[in-house]
Protein backbone atom coordinates (compact mmCIF):
# COMPACT_ATOMS: atom_id res chain seq x y z
CA ILE A 1 -29.39 -7.82 11.58
CA GLN A 2 -32.43 -6.28 12.97
CA ARG A 3 -32.53 -9.02 15.37
CA ASN A 4 -29.04 -8.15 16.72
CA ASP A 5 -28.51 -4.89 16.20
CA GLN A 6 -26.31 -3.94 19.04
CA MET A 7 -23.29 -6.65 18.26
CA TRP A 8 -23.91 -5.53 14.69
CA LYS A 9 -22.88 -1.71 15.44
CA HIS A 10 -20.00 -3.05 17.60
CA TRP A 11 -18.89 -4.76 14.50
CA TRP A 12 -19.43 -1.86 12.60
CA ASP A 13 -17.55 0.02 14.80
CA GLN A 14 -14.37 -1.97 14.95
CA GLU A 15 -11.10 -0.56 14.00
CA SER A 16 -10.78 -3.64 11.69
CA PRO A 17 -13.91 -5.24 10.97
CA GLU A 18 -12.67 -7.14 8.35
CA HIS A 19 -10.28 -9.52 11.04
CA THR A 20 -13.31 -9.96 13.78
CA LYS A 21 -15.80 -12.51 13.89
CA ILE A 22 -19.00 -11.04 12.22
CA PRO A 23 -22.39 -11.47 14.34
CA ASP A 24 -24.74 -14.56 14.00
CA ILE A 25 -23.58 -15.54 10.64
CA ASP A 26 -19.68 -15.49 10.71
CA ASP A 27 -19.30 -19.44 10.62
CA ARG A 28 -21.34 -19.95 7.27
CA LEU A 29 -19.49 -17.48 5.44
CA ASP A 30 -16.60 -18.44 3.20
CA ALA A 31 -13.81 -15.79 2.43
CA PHE A 32 -15.73 -13.82 -0.64
CA GLU A 33 -19.24 -13.67 1.40
CA ARG A 34 -17.05 -11.99 3.99
CA LEU A 35 -15.47 -9.76 1.40
CA LEU A 36 -18.67 -8.81 0.11
CA LEU A 37 -19.93 -8.08 3.34
CA VAL A 38 -17.35 -5.80 4.48
CA ARG A 39 -17.80 -3.98 1.08
CA CYS A 40 -21.12 -3.47 1.85
CA PHE A 41 -20.88 -2.18 5.65
CA ARG A 42 -17.27 -0.56 5.52
CA GLU A 43 -16.32 0.79 1.96
CA ASP A 44 -13.19 1.99 3.51
CA ARG A 45 -12.02 -1.46 4.66
CA THR A 46 -12.57 -2.99 1.39
CA LEU A 47 -9.01 -2.90 0.06
CA LEU A 48 -7.58 -4.54 3.08
CA SER A 49 -10.26 -7.16 3.11
CA ALA A 50 -9.63 -7.86 -0.47
CA ILE A 51 -5.99 -8.61 0.48
CA ASP A 52 -6.89 -10.92 2.78
CA TYR A 53 -9.36 -12.71 0.72
CA ILE A 54 -6.34 -13.28 -2.06
CA LYS A 55 -4.28 -14.67 1.07
CA THR A 56 -6.83 -17.30 1.86
CA THR A 57 -7.83 -18.26 -2.00
CA LEU A 58 -4.70 -17.59 -3.82
CA GLY A 59 -1.49 -17.18 -1.28
CA PRO A 60 0.24 -14.97 0.59
CA GLN A 61 2.78 -14.73 -2.29
CA TYR A 62 0.14 -12.88 -4.73
CA SER A 63 -0.64 -10.24 -1.97
CA GLU A 64 2.64 -9.16 -0.71
CA ALA A 65 4.43 -6.18 -2.98
CA GLN A 66 7.23 -7.75 -5.23
CA GLN A 67 10.41 -5.43 -5.75
CA LEU A 68 10.98 -4.35 -9.41
CA ASP A 69 13.93 -5.89 -10.97
CA LEU A 70 14.49 -3.19 -13.39
CA GLY A 71 17.77 -4.47 -14.87
CA ALA A 72 15.69 -7.76 -15.97
CA VAL A 73 12.99 -5.74 -17.73
CA VAL A 74 15.45 -3.76 -19.37
CA GLU A 75 16.88 -7.27 -20.44
CA GLU A 76 13.55 -8.37 -21.99
CA CYS A 77 12.39 -4.83 -23.80
CA SER A 78 13.65 -3.82 -26.97
CA CYS A 79 13.04 -0.42 -29.07
CA THR A 80 10.40 -1.88 -30.69
CA MET A 81 8.92 -2.78 -27.12
CA PRO A 82 9.11 0.01 -24.70
CA VAL A 83 8.70 0.14 -20.58
CA ILE A 84 5.61 1.81 -19.42
CA PHE A 85 5.01 2.28 -15.76
CA LEU A 86 1.63 2.46 -14.41
CA LEU A 87 2.06 3.77 -10.89
CA SER A 88 0.18 4.09 -8.12
CA GLN A 89 -0.05 7.44 -5.58
CA GLY A 90 3.02 8.17 -3.87
CA SER A 91 5.19 5.54 -6.09
CA ASP A 92 7.96 7.03 -8.31
CA PRO A 93 10.35 5.06 -9.90
CA THR A 94 12.54 8.08 -11.74
CA ALA A 95 15.57 7.82 -9.47
CA THR A 96 15.87 4.05 -10.43
CA ILE A 97 15.35 4.01 -13.69
CA GLU A 98 17.91 7.14 -14.22
CA ALA A 99 20.41 5.23 -12.04
CA LEU A 100 20.13 2.25 -14.01
CA ALA A 101 20.43 4.39 -16.98
CA LYS A 102 23.58 6.10 -16.00
CA LYS A 103 25.24 2.55 -14.90
CA ARG A 104 24.46 1.34 -18.60
CA LYS A 105 25.25 4.86 -19.99
CA LYS A 106 21.88 5.41 -22.08
CA ARG A 107 19.76 8.40 -22.46
CA ILE A 108 16.30 8.05 -21.46
CA SER A 109 13.14 10.34 -21.69
CA ALA A 110 10.41 10.34 -19.17
CA ILE A 111 6.77 11.29 -20.93
CA SER A 112 4.53 12.30 -18.20
CA MET A 113 0.75 11.32 -19.03
CA GLY A 114 -0.49 12.33 -15.58
CA GLN A 115 -2.58 15.07 -14.27
CA GLY A 116 -4.58 16.13 -17.45
CA GLN A 117 -1.89 15.55 -19.83
């Protein structure tokens, strides 16, 4: 880095460094080493770099969001096997669950475990 600090600074300043050639060592890095380097220098780009790593090593089908087939989930569950949703910020399956329950004429109970409860 000290030998070529201007190029490294330019790489660091890129909007998407995970897709930009890394100075001096790019041709010697595998996908995991690239992920680690991005994580070290640009923590804000780690998730995007991890997605690239998954695409490279496992295939693109493992990095694409999958639409939940709630009907199939309901068919697999029972009264002794509840369905638990672990949600990320901004996702809310409540409307989908309520619509499916209404369609099947079922009563549901929602329990919120977030926000310090």
